[in-house]
Amino acid sequence: MNYIKNQEWRYATKKFDSKKKISNEDLAYIKQAIQLSVSSYGLQPYRVLIIEDEDIRKQLLPVSWNQSQITDASHLVVFCNYINGEHGMIDDYIELIAKTRNIDKEALMGYGDFMKTKIDEKSPEEQFNWSKNQTYIALANLLSACASLKIDACPMEGFDSEEYNKILGLTEKGLNASVIATIGYRSDEDETQYLAKVRKPIANLFEEL
């Protein structure tokens, strides 16, 4: 039941205490939680930037609707989906499976070809959306991990993805800023924390067949 209590505790933090920083130990825990996220085929078609540098975050502030969380939170987390290059990603994944499980790589080639075929069936736009959607699963793991540590977080789509790509040099790396989250500790001045959580009643949300 701790999981439910943690979810009841968390909220999308609007104002962070800029003086409080996440410890290296807790940050390592959050990274591992993201690393263990499920993804389609297990490919994890994304990279995650964890930004503490104040100057970089000041550059990102105006293209993030000037939301104070960007600069006041302990860290800014940017989830970046790959724009293309899925075949190379699959080849690397097959290598990793073989090494991790001590399996002959040749025995895995059929699985690799299957993944390539299924992804090739998608249009470039569908491939982009597919990889972008995977980042939201990883984001969910970040939010749950933070809640378990009583670390505040705010998932955010209010930013200019193209400007993020330019400022962070993502495009030349074949990446796109998909979704972001700020993490840290709530300010006593954040009145949002005192509001009752509003969610649909269970009876209205679920239908059992």
N, C-alpha and C. Protein backbone atom coordinates (compact mmCIF):
# COMPACT_ATOMS: atom_id res chain seq x y z
N MET A 1 0.80 -1.21 0.00
CA MET A 1 0.00 0.00 0.00
C MET A 1 0.84 1.27 0.00
N ASN A 2 2.16 1.13 0.24
CA ASN A 2 3.01 2.32 0.21
C ASN A 2 2.97 3.00 -1.15
N TYR A 3 2.86 2.19 -2.20
CA TYR A 3 2.84 2.76 -3.55
C TYR A 3 1.66 3.72 -3.69
N ILE A 4 0.49 3.31 -3.25
CA ILE A 4 -0.70 4.16 -3.35
C ILE A 4 -0.53 5.42 -2.51
N LYS A 5 0.01 5.27 -1.31
CA LYS A 5 0.23 6.44 -0.45
C LYS A 5 1.20 7.42 -1.10
N ASN A 6 2.23 6.88 -1.75
CA ASN A 6 3.20 7.74 -2.43
C ASN A 6 2.54 8.51 -3.58
N GLN A 7 1.64 7.83 -4.30
CA GLN A 7 0.94 8.49 -5.41
C GLN A 7 -0.03 9.54 -4.91
N GLU A 8 -0.61 9.30 -3.75
CA GLU A 8 -1.49 10.30 -3.15
C GLU A 8 -0.70 11.52 -2.68
N TRP A 9 0.56 11.26 -2.26
CA TRP A 9 1.41 12.34 -1.76
C TRP A 9 1.90 13.25 -2.87
N ARG A 10 2.25 12.67 -4.02
CA ARG A 10 2.88 13.44 -5.09
C ARG A 10 1.87 14.35 -5.79
N TYR A 11 2.37 15.39 -6.39
CA TYR A 11 1.58 16.28 -7.23
C TYR A 11 2.54 16.98 -8.18
N ALA A 12 2.01 17.59 -9.20
CA ALA A 12 2.86 18.30 -10.16
C ALA A 12 3.32 19.61 -9.51
N THR A 13 4.52 19.60 -8.98
CA THR A 13 5.04 20.71 -8.20
C THR A 13 5.23 21.96 -9.06
N LYS A 14 4.65 23.06 -8.62
CA LYS A 14 4.69 24.30 -9.39
C LYS A 14 5.81 25.23 -8.95
N LYS A 15 6.24 25.10 -7.71
CA LYS A 15 7.31 25.97 -7.20
C LYS A 15 8.25 25.14 -6.35
N PHE A 16 9.52 25.11 -6.74
CA PHE A 16 10.54 24.35 -6.03
C PHE A 16 11.36 25.23 -5.10
N ASP A 17 11.92 24.61 -4.09
CA ASP A 17 12.88 25.27 -3.21
C ASP A 17 14.25 25.17 -3.88
N SER A 18 14.74 26.28 -4.41
CA SER A 18 15.98 26.26 -5.18
C SER A 18 17.22 25.95 -4.34
N LYS A 19 17.08 26.00 -3.02
CA LYS A 19 18.23 25.76 -2.14
C LYS A 19 18.42 24.27 -1.82
N LYS A 20 17.41 23.46 -2.11
CA LYS A 20 17.48 22.04 -1.78
C LYS A 20 17.88 21.23 -3.00
N LYS A 21 18.89 20.38 -2.84
CA LYS A 21 19.40 19.58 -3.94
C LYS A 21 19.24 18.09 -3.66
N ILE A 22 19.04 17.34 -4.73
CA ILE A 22 18.92 15.88 -4.62
C ILE A 22 20.31 15.28 -4.41
N SER A 23 20.42 14.34 -3.50
CA SER A 23 21.71 13.71 -3.23
C SER A 23 22.12 12.81 -4.39
N ASN A 24 23.43 12.55 -4.49
CA ASN A 24 23.93 11.66 -5.54
C ASN A 24 23.34 10.26 -5.40
N GLU A 25 23.14 9.83 -4.17
CA GLU A 25 22.58 8.50 -3.93
C GLU A 25 21.14 8.41 -4.45
N ASP A 26 20.34 9.42 -4.15
CA ASP A 26 18.95 9.41 -4.63
C ASP A 26 18.89 9.56 -6.14
N LEU A 27 19.79 10.36 -6.70
CA LEU A 27 19.82 10.53 -8.15
C LEU A 27 20.17 9.21 -8.84
N ALA A 28 21.07 8.45 -8.24
CA ALA A 28 21.44 7.15 -8.79
C ALA A 28 20.24 6.20 -8.77
N TYR A 29 19.44 6.28 -7.72
CA TYR A 29 18.23 5.45 -7.60
C TYR A 29 17.24 5.80 -8.70
N ILE A 30 17.06 7.09 -8.94
CA ILE A 30 16.14 7.55 -9.98
C ILE A 30 16.61 7.09 -11.36
N LYS A 31 17.92 7.19 -11.60
CA LYS A 31 18.48 6.73 -12.88
C LYS A 31 18.21 5.24 -13.09
N GLN A 32 18.38 4.46 -12.03
CA GLN A 32 18.17 3.02 -12.16
C GLN A 32 16.70 2.72 -12.44
N ALA A 33 15.81 3.47 -11.80
CA ALA A 33 14.38 3.28 -12.04
C ALA A 33 14.04 3.55 -13.51
N ILE A 34 14.63 4.60 -14.07
CA ILE A 34 14.41 4.90 -15.48
C ILE A 34 15.01 3.80 -16.35
N GLN A 35 16.20 3.36 -16.00
CA GLN A 35 16.88 2.31 -16.77
C GLN A 35 16.04 1.04 -16.84
N LEU A 36 15.31 0.72 -15.77
CA LEU A 36 14.53 -0.51 -15.70
C LEU A 36 13.15 -0.38 -16.33
N SER A 37 12.85 0.76 -16.92
CA SER A 37 11.54 0.97 -17.55
C SER A 37 11.32 -0.03 -18.68
N VAL A 38 10.07 -0.44 -18.81
CA VAL A 38 9.72 -1.30 -19.95
C VAL A 38 9.69 -0.45 -21.21
N SER A 39 9.91 -1.08 -22.36
CA SER A 39 9.79 -0.40 -23.64
C SER A 39 9.52 -1.44 -24.71
N SER A 40 9.05 -0.98 -25.84
CA SER A 40 8.72 -1.88 -26.94
C SER A 40 9.95 -2.68 -27.37
N TYR A 41 9.82 -4.00 -27.36
CA TYR A 41 10.91 -4.93 -27.67
C TYR A 41 12.08 -4.84 -26.69
N GLY A 42 11.99 -3.96 -25.71
CA GLY A 42 13.10 -3.73 -24.80
C GLY A 42 14.17 -2.83 -25.40
N LEU A 43 13.86 -2.14 -26.49
CA LEU A 43 14.86 -1.37 -27.23
C LEU A 43 15.26 -0.06 -26.54
N GLN A 44 14.37 0.51 -25.75
CA GLN A 44 14.63 1.81 -25.13
C GLN A 44 15.14 2.82 -26.17
N PRO A 45 14.30 3.20 -27.13
CA PRO A 45 14.74 4.08 -28.22
C PRO A 45 14.81 5.55 -27.82
N TYR A 46 15.57 5.82 -26.77
CA TYR A 46 15.69 7.18 -26.26
C TYR A 46 16.96 7.33 -25.43
N ARG A 47 17.30 8.59 -25.17
CA ARG A 47 18.34 8.92 -24.20
C ARG A 47 17.75 9.92 -23.22
N VAL A 48 18.36 10.01 -22.05
CA VAL A 48 17.83 10.88 -21.01
C VAL A 48 18.93 11.84 -20.56
N LEU A 49 18.66 13.13 -20.66
CA LEU A 49 19.60 14.15 -20.18
C LEU A 49 19.18 14.60 -18.79
N ILE A 50 20.11 14.62 -17.86
CA ILE A 50 19.86 15.14 -16.52
C ILE A 50 20.71 16.39 -16.36
N ILE A 51 20.04 17.53 -16.33
CA ILE A 51 20.73 18.82 -16.39
C ILE A 51 20.67 19.53 -15.04
N GLU A 52 21.86 19.78 -14.50
CA GLU A 52 21.98 20.54 -13.27
C GLU A 52 22.57 21.93 -13.54
N ASP A 53 23.32 22.05 -14.63
CA ASP A 53 24.01 23.28 -14.97
C ASP A 53 23.04 24.47 -15.03
N GLU A 54 23.31 25.50 -14.24
CA GLU A 54 22.41 26.65 -14.14
C GLU A 54 22.36 27.46 -15.44
N ASP A 55 23.51 27.62 -16.09
CA ASP A 55 23.56 28.42 -17.31
C ASP A 55 22.72 27.79 -18.43
N ILE A 56 22.81 26.46 -18.56
CA ILE A 56 22.02 25.77 -19.58
C ILE A 56 20.54 25.94 -19.30
N ARG A 57 20.17 25.81 -18.04
CA ARG A 57 18.76 25.91 -17.69
C ARG A 57 18.22 27.33 -17.88
N LYS A 58 19.07 28.32 -17.67
CA LYS A 58 18.66 29.70 -17.93
C LYS A 58 18.39 29.91 -19.42
N GLN A 59 19.18 29.24 -20.27
CA GLN A 59 18.94 29.32 -21.71
C GLN A 59 17.62 28.67 -22.09
N LEU A 60 17.27 27.61 -21.37
CA LEU A 60 16.06 26.85 -21.68
C LEU A 60 14.80 27.50 -21.11
N LEU A 61 14.96 28.36 -20.11
CA LEU A 61 13.81 28.96 -19.44
C LEU A 61 12.86 29.69 -20.39
N PRO A 62 13.33 30.60 -21.24
CA PRO A 62 12.39 31.32 -22.10
C PRO A 62 11.69 30.45 -23.13
N VAL A 63 12.26 29.29 -23.48
CA VAL A 63 11.60 28.39 -24.42
C VAL A 63 10.84 27.29 -23.67
N SER A 64 10.64 27.53 -22.39
CA SER A 64 9.85 26.62 -21.55
C SER A 64 8.72 27.41 -20.89
N TRP A 65 8.18 28.35 -21.63
CA TRP A 65 7.07 29.20 -21.17
C TRP A 65 7.44 29.96 -19.90
N ASN A 66 8.76 30.16 -19.68
CA ASN A 66 9.26 30.89 -18.49
C ASN A 66 8.74 30.31 -17.18
N GLN A 67 8.59 29.00 -17.16
CA GLN A 67 8.13 28.32 -15.95
C GLN A 67 9.30 28.19 -14.97
N SER A 68 9.11 28.68 -13.76
CA SER A 68 10.19 28.77 -12.79
C SER A 68 10.78 27.42 -12.39
N GLN A 69 10.02 26.34 -12.61
CA GLN A 69 10.54 25.02 -12.25
C GLN A 69 11.84 24.70 -12.98
N ILE A 70 11.97 25.23 -14.18
CA ILE A 70 13.14 24.92 -15.02
C ILE A 70 14.44 25.30 -14.31
N THR A 71 14.45 26.46 -13.66
CA THR A 71 15.67 26.93 -13.01
C THR A 71 15.69 26.69 -11.50
N ASP A 72 14.52 26.55 -10.88
CA ASP A 72 14.49 26.42 -9.42
C ASP A 72 14.62 24.98 -8.93
N ALA A 73 14.23 24.02 -9.76
CA ALA A 73 14.31 22.61 -9.33
C ALA A 73 15.77 22.19 -9.18
N SER A 74 15.98 21.10 -8.48
CA SER A 74 17.33 20.58 -8.31
C SER A 74 17.93 20.15 -9.65
N HIS A 75 17.12 19.45 -10.46
CA HIS A 75 17.58 18.95 -11.76
C HIS A 75 16.44 19.05 -12.78
N LEU A 76 16.84 19.22 -14.02
CA LEU A 76 15.91 19.15 -15.15
C LEU A 76 16.21 17.87 -15.92
N VAL A 77 15.18 17.07 -16.16
CA VAL A 77 15.35 15.81 -16.88
C VAL A 77 14.68 15.95 -18.24
N VAL A 78 15.45 15.70 -19.30
CA VAL A 78 14.94 15.81 -20.67
C VAL A 78 14.98 14.42 -21.31
N PHE A 79 13.80 13.90 -21.64
CA PHE A 79 13.70 12.61 -22.32
C PHE A 79 13.74 12.86 -23.82
N CYS A 80 14.68 12.21 -24.50
CA CYS A 80 14.90 12.46 -25.93
C CYS A 80 14.70 11.18 -26.73
N ASN A 81 13.76 11.20 -27.65
CA ASN A 81 13.56 10.03 -28.51
C ASN A 81 14.45 10.12 -29.74
N TYR A 82 14.85 8.96 -30.26
CA TYR A 82 15.66 8.92 -31.47
C TYR A 82 14.78 9.22 -32.67
N ILE A 83 15.31 10.01 -33.59
CA ILE A 83 14.56 10.40 -34.78
C ILE A 83 14.57 9.28 -35.81
N ASN A 84 15.69 8.58 -35.93
CA ASN A 84 15.80 7.46 -36.88
C ASN A 84 16.95 6.57 -36.42
N GLY A 85 17.42 5.70 -37.31
CA GLY A 85 18.55 4.84 -36.98
C GLY A 85 18.15 3.61 -36.20
N GLU A 86 16.89 3.16 -36.39
CA GLU A 86 16.40 2.03 -35.62
C GLU A 86 17.18 0.74 -35.90
N HIS A 87 17.64 0.56 -37.14
CA HIS A 87 18.36 -0.68 -37.47
C HIS A 87 19.65 -0.79 -36.66
N GLY A 88 20.38 0.32 -36.56
CA GLY A 88 21.60 0.30 -35.76
C GLY A 88 21.30 0.05 -34.31
N MET A 89 20.20 0.60 -33.83
CA MET A 89 19.79 0.40 -32.45
C MET A 89 19.48 -1.08 -32.19
N ILE A 90 18.82 -1.70 -33.16
CA ILE A 90 18.48 -3.12 -33.02
C ILE A 90 19.74 -3.98 -33.02
N ASP A 91 20.69 -3.65 -33.89
CA ASP A 91 21.95 -4.40 -33.93
C ASP A 91 22.68 -4.30 -32.59
N ASP A 92 22.70 -3.10 -32.02
CA ASP A 92 23.33 -2.91 -30.71
C ASP A 92 22.61 -3.70 -29.63
N TYR A 93 21.27 -3.74 -29.72
CA TYR A 93 20.47 -4.47 -28.74
C TYR A 93 20.73 -5.97 -28.82
N ILE A 94 20.85 -6.49 -30.02
CA ILE A 94 21.15 -7.91 -30.19
C ILE A 94 22.51 -8.24 -29.58
N GLU A 95 23.48 -7.35 -29.80
CA GLU A 95 24.81 -7.53 -29.21
C GLU A 95 24.71 -7.56 -27.68
N LEU A 96 23.90 -6.67 -27.13
CA LEU A 96 23.76 -6.58 -25.68
C LEU A 96 23.08 -7.82 -25.11
N ILE A 97 22.05 -8.32 -25.80
CA ILE A 97 21.38 -9.54 -25.34
C ILE A 97 22.37 -10.70 -25.32
N ALA A 98 23.13 -10.83 -26.41
CA ALA A 98 24.09 -11.93 -26.51
C ALA A 98 25.12 -11.88 -25.39
N LYS A 99 25.61 -10.68 -25.10
CA LYS A 99 26.61 -10.51 -24.06
C LYS A 99 26.02 -10.73 -22.67
N THR A 100 24.84 -10.17 -22.43
CA THR A 100 24.22 -10.25 -21.10
C THR A 100 23.81 -11.68 -20.75
N ARG A 101 23.26 -12.38 -21.73
CA ARG A 101 22.72 -13.72 -21.48
C ARG A 101 23.66 -14.84 -21.94
N ASN A 102 24.85 -14.43 -22.42
CA ASN A 102 25.84 -15.41 -22.88
C ASN A 102 25.25 -16.34 -23.93
N ILE A 103 24.68 -15.71 -24.96
CA ILE A 103 24.05 -16.44 -26.06
C ILE A 103 24.80 -16.13 -27.35
N ASP A 104 24.91 -17.11 -28.24
CA ASP A 104 25.53 -16.90 -29.54
C ASP A 104 24.70 -15.87 -30.32
N LYS A 105 25.34 -14.83 -30.78
CA LYS A 105 24.63 -13.76 -31.48
C LYS A 105 23.88 -14.27 -32.70
N GLU A 106 24.45 -15.27 -33.37
CA GLU A 106 23.82 -15.82 -34.57
C GLU A 106 22.44 -16.38 -34.27
N ALA A 107 22.27 -16.89 -33.04
CA ALA A 107 20.98 -17.45 -32.66
C ALA A 107 19.91 -16.38 -32.48
N LEU A 108 20.33 -15.13 -32.41
CA LEU A 108 19.40 -14.03 -32.18
C LEU A 108 19.10 -13.21 -33.44
N MET A 109 19.76 -13.56 -34.54
CA MET A 109 19.61 -12.77 -35.75
C MET A 109 18.17 -12.77 -36.27
N GLY A 110 17.48 -13.91 -36.11
CA GLY A 110 16.09 -13.99 -36.55
C GLY A 110 15.21 -12.99 -35.80
N TYR A 111 15.46 -12.85 -34.50
CA TYR A 111 14.70 -11.90 -33.70
C TYR A 111 15.01 -10.47 -34.12
N GLY A 112 16.28 -10.23 -34.41
CA GLY A 112 16.67 -8.91 -34.87
C GLY A 112 16.00 -8.56 -36.18
N ASP A 113 15.97 -9.50 -37.11
CA ASP A 113 15.33 -9.27 -38.41
C ASP A 113 13.83 -9.04 -38.24
N PHE A 114 13.22 -9.76 -37.30
CA PHE A 114 11.80 -9.57 -37.03
C PHE A 114 11.51 -8.15 -36.57
N MET A 115 12.33 -7.65 -35.64
CA MET A 115 12.12 -6.29 -35.15
C MET A 115 12.29 -5.27 -36.27
N LYS A 116 13.32 -5.48 -37.10
CA LYS A 116 13.55 -4.55 -38.21
C LYS A 116 12.37 -4.55 -39.18
N THR A 117 11.82 -5.71 -39.45
CA THR A 117 10.68 -5.82 -40.37
C THR A 117 9.47 -5.09 -39.82
N LYS A 118 9.19 -5.30 -38.53
CA LYS A 118 8.01 -4.68 -37.93
C LYS A 118 8.15 -3.16 -37.87
N ILE A 119 9.35 -2.68 -37.58
CA ILE A 119 9.55 -1.23 -37.52
C ILE A 119 9.52 -0.62 -38.92
N ASP A 120 10.05 -1.35 -39.91
CA ASP A 120 10.05 -0.86 -41.29
C ASP A 120 8.64 -0.75 -41.85
N GLU A 121 7.70 -1.46 -41.25
CA GLU A 121 6.30 -1.37 -41.69
C GLU A 121 5.69 -0.01 -41.35
N LYS A 122 6.33 0.71 -40.43
CA LYS A 122 5.83 2.02 -40.01
C LYS A 122 6.38 3.11 -40.93
N SER A 123 5.60 4.13 -41.15
CA SER A 123 6.08 5.29 -41.88
C SER A 123 7.07 6.05 -41.00
N PRO A 124 7.88 6.96 -41.58
CA PRO A 124 8.80 7.76 -40.75
C PRO A 124 8.08 8.48 -39.62
N GLU A 125 6.90 9.01 -39.90
CA GLU A 125 6.13 9.70 -38.85
C GLU A 125 5.69 8.73 -37.76
N GLU A 126 5.27 7.54 -38.16
CA GLU A 126 4.85 6.54 -37.18
C GLU A 126 6.04 6.07 -36.34
N GLN A 127 7.20 5.93 -36.97
CA GLN A 127 8.39 5.54 -36.22
C GLN A 127 8.77 6.60 -35.20
N PHE A 128 8.66 7.87 -35.61
CA PHE A 128 8.97 8.97 -34.71
C PHE A 128 8.02 8.96 -33.51
N ASN A 129 6.72 8.82 -33.78
CA ASN A 129 5.73 8.80 -32.70
C ASN A 129 5.90 7.57 -31.80
N TRP A 130 6.28 6.46 -32.41
CA TRP A 130 6.51 5.23 -31.64
C TRP A 130 7.64 5.43 -30.64
N SER A 131 8.76 5.96 -31.10
CA SER A 131 9.89 6.16 -30.20
C SER A 131 9.59 7.24 -29.16
N LYS A 132 8.84 8.26 -29.57
CA LYS A 132 8.47 9.32 -28.63
C LYS A 132 7.57 8.77 -27.52
N ASN A 133 6.64 7.90 -27.88
CA ASN A 133 5.73 7.34 -26.88
C ASN A 133 6.47 6.54 -25.82
N GLN A 134 7.59 5.93 -26.19
CA GLN A 134 8.34 5.13 -25.23
C GLN A 134 8.89 5.99 -24.09
N THR A 135 9.17 7.26 -24.38
CA THR A 135 9.73 8.12 -23.35
C THR A 135 8.74 8.38 -22.22
N TYR A 136 7.46 8.33 -22.53
CA TYR A 136 6.45 8.60 -21.51
C TYR A 136 6.37 7.45 -20.50
N ILE A 137 6.69 6.25 -20.94
CA ILE A 137 6.74 5.12 -20.01
C ILE A 137 7.89 5.33 -19.03
N ALA A 138 9.04 5.75 -19.56
CA ALA A 138 10.19 6.03 -18.70
C ALA A 138 9.89 7.19 -17.75
N LEU A 139 9.17 8.19 -18.25
CA LEU A 139 8.77 9.31 -17.40
C LEU A 139 7.93 8.84 -16.22
N ALA A 140 7.01 7.91 -16.48
CA ALA A 140 6.16 7.38 -15.40
C ALA A 140 7.00 6.72 -14.32
N ASN A 141 8.05 5.99 -14.74
CA ASN A 141 8.93 5.36 -13.76
C ASN A 141 9.67 6.41 -12.93
N LEU A 142 10.10 7.49 -13.58
CA LEU A 142 10.75 8.57 -12.85
C LEU A 142 9.81 9.14 -11.78
N LEU A 143 8.58 9.40 -12.15
CA LEU A 143 7.62 9.99 -11.22
C LEU A 143 7.38 9.08 -10.02
N SER A 144 7.25 7.78 -10.28
CA SER A 144 7.01 6.83 -9.18
C SER A 144 8.23 6.70 -8.29
N ALA A 145 9.41 6.68 -8.90
CA ALA A 145 10.65 6.57 -8.12
C ALA A 145 10.82 7.79 -7.24
N CYS A 146 10.57 8.96 -7.80
CA CYS A 146 10.69 10.19 -7.01
C CYS A 146 9.71 10.17 -5.84
N ALA A 147 8.48 9.75 -6.09
CA ALA A 147 7.47 9.71 -5.03
C ALA A 147 7.89 8.77 -3.90
N SER A 148 8.53 7.66 -4.27
CA SER A 148 8.96 6.70 -3.25
C SER A 148 10.06 7.27 -2.37
N LEU A 149 10.81 8.25 -2.90
CA LEU A 149 11.89 8.90 -2.15
C LEU A 149 11.43 10.21 -1.51
N LYS A 150 10.16 10.55 -1.69
CA LYS A 150 9.62 11.83 -1.25
C LYS A 150 10.39 12.99 -1.89
N ILE A 151 10.67 12.80 -3.18
CA ILE A 151 11.25 13.83 -4.01
C ILE A 151 10.16 14.33 -4.94
N ASP A 152 10.04 15.63 -5.05
CA ASP A 152 8.98 16.21 -5.86
C ASP A 152 9.36 16.23 -7.33
N ALA A 153 8.33 16.20 -8.17
CA ALA A 153 8.56 16.19 -9.61
C ALA A 153 7.41 16.88 -10.32
N CYS A 154 7.71 17.39 -11.50
CA CYS A 154 6.68 18.00 -12.33
C CYS A 154 6.91 17.61 -13.78
N PRO A 155 6.07 16.71 -14.33
CA PRO A 155 6.18 16.39 -15.75
C PRO A 155 5.68 17.56 -16.57
N MET A 156 6.35 17.87 -17.69
CA MET A 156 6.03 19.09 -18.43
C MET A 156 6.09 18.87 -19.94
N GLU A 157 5.04 19.32 -20.62
CA GLU A 157 5.04 19.37 -22.08
C GLU A 157 5.08 20.82 -22.57
N GLY A 158 5.06 21.76 -21.63
CA GLY A 158 5.05 23.17 -21.98
C GLY A 158 6.44 23.68 -22.30
N PHE A 159 6.96 23.30 -23.45
CA PHE A 159 8.27 23.78 -23.89
C PHE A 159 8.35 23.66 -25.41
N ASP A 160 9.27 24.39 -25.99
CA ASP A 160 9.47 24.38 -27.44
C ASP A 160 10.51 23.31 -27.77
N SER A 161 10.05 22.21 -28.28
CA SER A 161 10.93 21.07 -28.55
C SER A 161 12.04 21.43 -29.54
N GLU A 162 11.70 22.17 -30.59
CA GLU A 162 12.70 22.52 -31.60
C GLU A 162 13.80 23.40 -31.01
N GLU A 163 13.43 24.32 -30.13
CA GLU A 163 14.43 25.17 -29.50
C GLU A 163 15.30 24.38 -28.53
N TYR A 164 14.71 23.45 -27.82
CA TYR A 164 15.49 22.55 -26.96
C TYR A 164 16.51 21.79 -27.80
N ASN A 165 16.07 21.29 -28.95
CA ASN A 165 16.96 20.54 -29.83
C ASN A 165 18.16 21.40 -30.26
N LYS A 166 17.91 22.68 -30.53
CA LYS A 166 18.99 23.58 -30.94
C LYS A 166 19.93 23.88 -29.78
N ILE A 167 19.37 24.26 -28.65
CA ILE A 167 20.19 24.67 -27.51
C ILE A 167 21.03 23.51 -26.98
N LEU A 168 20.46 22.32 -26.96
CA LEU A 168 21.14 21.15 -26.41
C LEU A 168 21.91 20.35 -27.46
N GLY A 169 21.85 20.81 -28.72
CA GLY A 169 22.58 20.12 -29.79
C GLY A 169 22.07 18.71 -30.04
N LEU A 170 20.76 18.55 -29.97
CA LEU A 170 20.18 17.21 -30.08
C LEU A 170 20.02 16.73 -31.52
N THR A 171 19.67 17.64 -32.41
CA THR A 171 19.38 17.25 -33.78
C THR A 171 20.55 16.54 -34.43
N GLU A 172 21.75 17.08 -34.24
CA GLU A 172 22.93 16.44 -34.85
C GLU A 172 23.26 15.09 -34.24
N LYS A 173 22.65 14.81 -33.09
CA LYS A 173 22.82 13.49 -32.46
C LYS A 173 21.68 12.54 -32.81
N GLY A 174 20.78 13.01 -33.69
CA GLY A 174 19.65 12.19 -34.09
C GLY A 174 18.58 12.07 -33.01
N LEU A 175 18.51 13.08 -32.15
CA LEU A 175 17.58 13.04 -31.03
C LEU A 175 16.58 14.19 -31.09
N ASN A 176 15.47 14.02 -30.37
CA ASN A 176 14.43 15.04 -30.26
C ASN A 176 13.96 15.11 -28.81
N ALA A 177 13.87 16.33 -28.28
CA ALA A 177 13.36 16.51 -26.93
C ALA A 177 11.87 16.19 -26.92
N SER A 178 11.51 15.13 -26.23
CA SER A 178 10.15 14.61 -26.27
C SER A 178 9.29 15.13 -25.14
N VAL A 179 9.74 14.95 -23.91
CA VAL A 179 9.01 15.39 -22.73
C VAL A 179 10.03 15.67 -21.64
N ILE A 180 9.71 16.56 -20.72
CA ILE A 180 10.68 16.91 -19.68
C ILE A 180 10.04 16.78 -18.30
N ALA A 181 10.89 16.75 -17.29
CA ALA A 181 10.41 16.74 -15.91
C ALA A 181 11.42 17.49 -15.05
N THR A 182 10.92 18.25 -14.12
CA THR A 182 11.77 18.89 -13.13
C THR A 182 11.64 18.14 -11.82
N ILE A 183 12.75 17.95 -11.12
CA ILE A 183 12.73 17.18 -9.88
C ILE A 183 13.49 17.93 -8.80
N GLY A 184 13.03 17.78 -7.57
CA GLY A 184 13.66 18.47 -6.46
C GLY A 184 12.76 18.43 -5.24
N TYR A 185 12.63 19.56 -4.57
CA TYR A 185 11.83 19.61 -3.35
C TYR A 185 10.92 20.83 -3.37
N ARG A 186 9.67 20.61 -3.02
CA ARG A 186 8.66 21.66 -3.06
C ARG A 186 8.99 22.83 -2.14
N SER A 187 8.60 24.01 -2.57
CA SER A 187 8.72 25.19 -1.75
C SER A 187 7.51 25.30 -0.82
N ASP A 188 7.73 25.82 0.37
CA ASP A 188 6.62 26.05 1.29
C ASP A 188 5.62 27.03 0.70
N GLU A 189 6.07 27.82 -0.27
CA GLU A 189 5.22 28.83 -0.89
C GLU A 189 4.36 28.28 -2.02
N ASP A 190 4.56 27.01 -2.35
CA ASP A 190 3.77 26.41 -3.43
C ASP A 190 2.39 26.02 -2.90
N GLU A 191 1.41 26.82 -3.18
CA GLU A 191 0.07 26.59 -2.65
C GLU A 191 -0.60 25.37 -3.26
N THR A 192 -0.10 24.92 -4.41
CA THR A 192 -0.71 23.77 -5.08
C THR A 192 -0.66 22.52 -4.21
N GLN A 193 0.35 22.40 -3.36
CA GLN A 193 0.50 21.21 -2.53
C GLN A 193 -0.63 21.03 -1.53
N TYR A 194 -1.34 22.10 -1.24
CA TYR A 194 -2.40 22.04 -0.23
C TYR A 194 -3.77 21.75 -0.84
N LEU A 195 -3.83 21.66 -2.16
CA LEU A 195 -5.10 21.41 -2.83
C LEU A 195 -5.42 19.92 -2.84
N ALA A 196 -6.69 19.58 -2.71
CA ALA A 196 -7.11 18.18 -2.78
C ALA A 196 -6.86 17.64 -4.19
N LYS A 197 -6.38 16.39 -4.27
CA LYS A 197 -6.13 15.77 -5.57
C LYS A 197 -7.46 15.47 -6.24
N VAL A 198 -7.59 15.85 -7.50
CA VAL A 198 -8.83 15.64 -8.24
C VAL A 198 -8.63 14.55 -9.29
N ARG A 199 -9.36 13.47 -9.15
CA ARG A 199 -9.31 12.36 -10.10
C ARG A 199 -10.72 11.83 -10.32
N LYS A 200 -10.96 11.22 -11.47
CA LYS A 200 -12.25 10.61 -11.73
C LYS A 200 -12.52 9.51 -10.70
N PRO A 201 -13.77 9.34 -10.27
CA PRO A 201 -14.10 8.22 -9.38
C PRO A 201 -13.79 6.89 -10.07
N ILE A 202 -13.43 5.90 -9.28
CA ILE A 202 -13.12 4.56 -9.83
C ILE A 202 -14.24 4.07 -10.72
N ALA A 203 -15.49 4.25 -10.29
CA ALA A 203 -16.64 3.74 -11.04
C ALA A 203 -16.76 4.39 -12.41
N ASN A 204 -16.30 5.64 -12.53
CA ASN A 204 -16.38 6.34 -13.82
C ASN A 204 -15.19 6.06 -14.71
N LEU A 205 -14.09 5.65 -14.12
CA LEU A 205 -12.86 5.46 -14.87
C LEU A 205 -12.75 4.07 -15.49
N PHE A 206 -13.25 3.06 -14.77
CA PHE A 206 -13.07 1.68 -15.20
C PHE A 206 -14.38 1.05 -15.63
N GLU A 207 -14.25 0.15 -16.61
CA GLU A 207 -15.37 -0.67 -17.04
C GLU A 207 -14.88 -2.11 -17.13
N GLU A 208 -15.50 -2.98 -16.43
CA GLU A 208 -15.12 -4.40 -16.42
C GLU A 208 -16.05 -5.20 -17.32
N LEU A 209 -15.47 -5.98 -18.21
CA LEU A 209 -16.26 -6.76 -19.19
C LEU A 209 -16.13 -8.25 -18.90
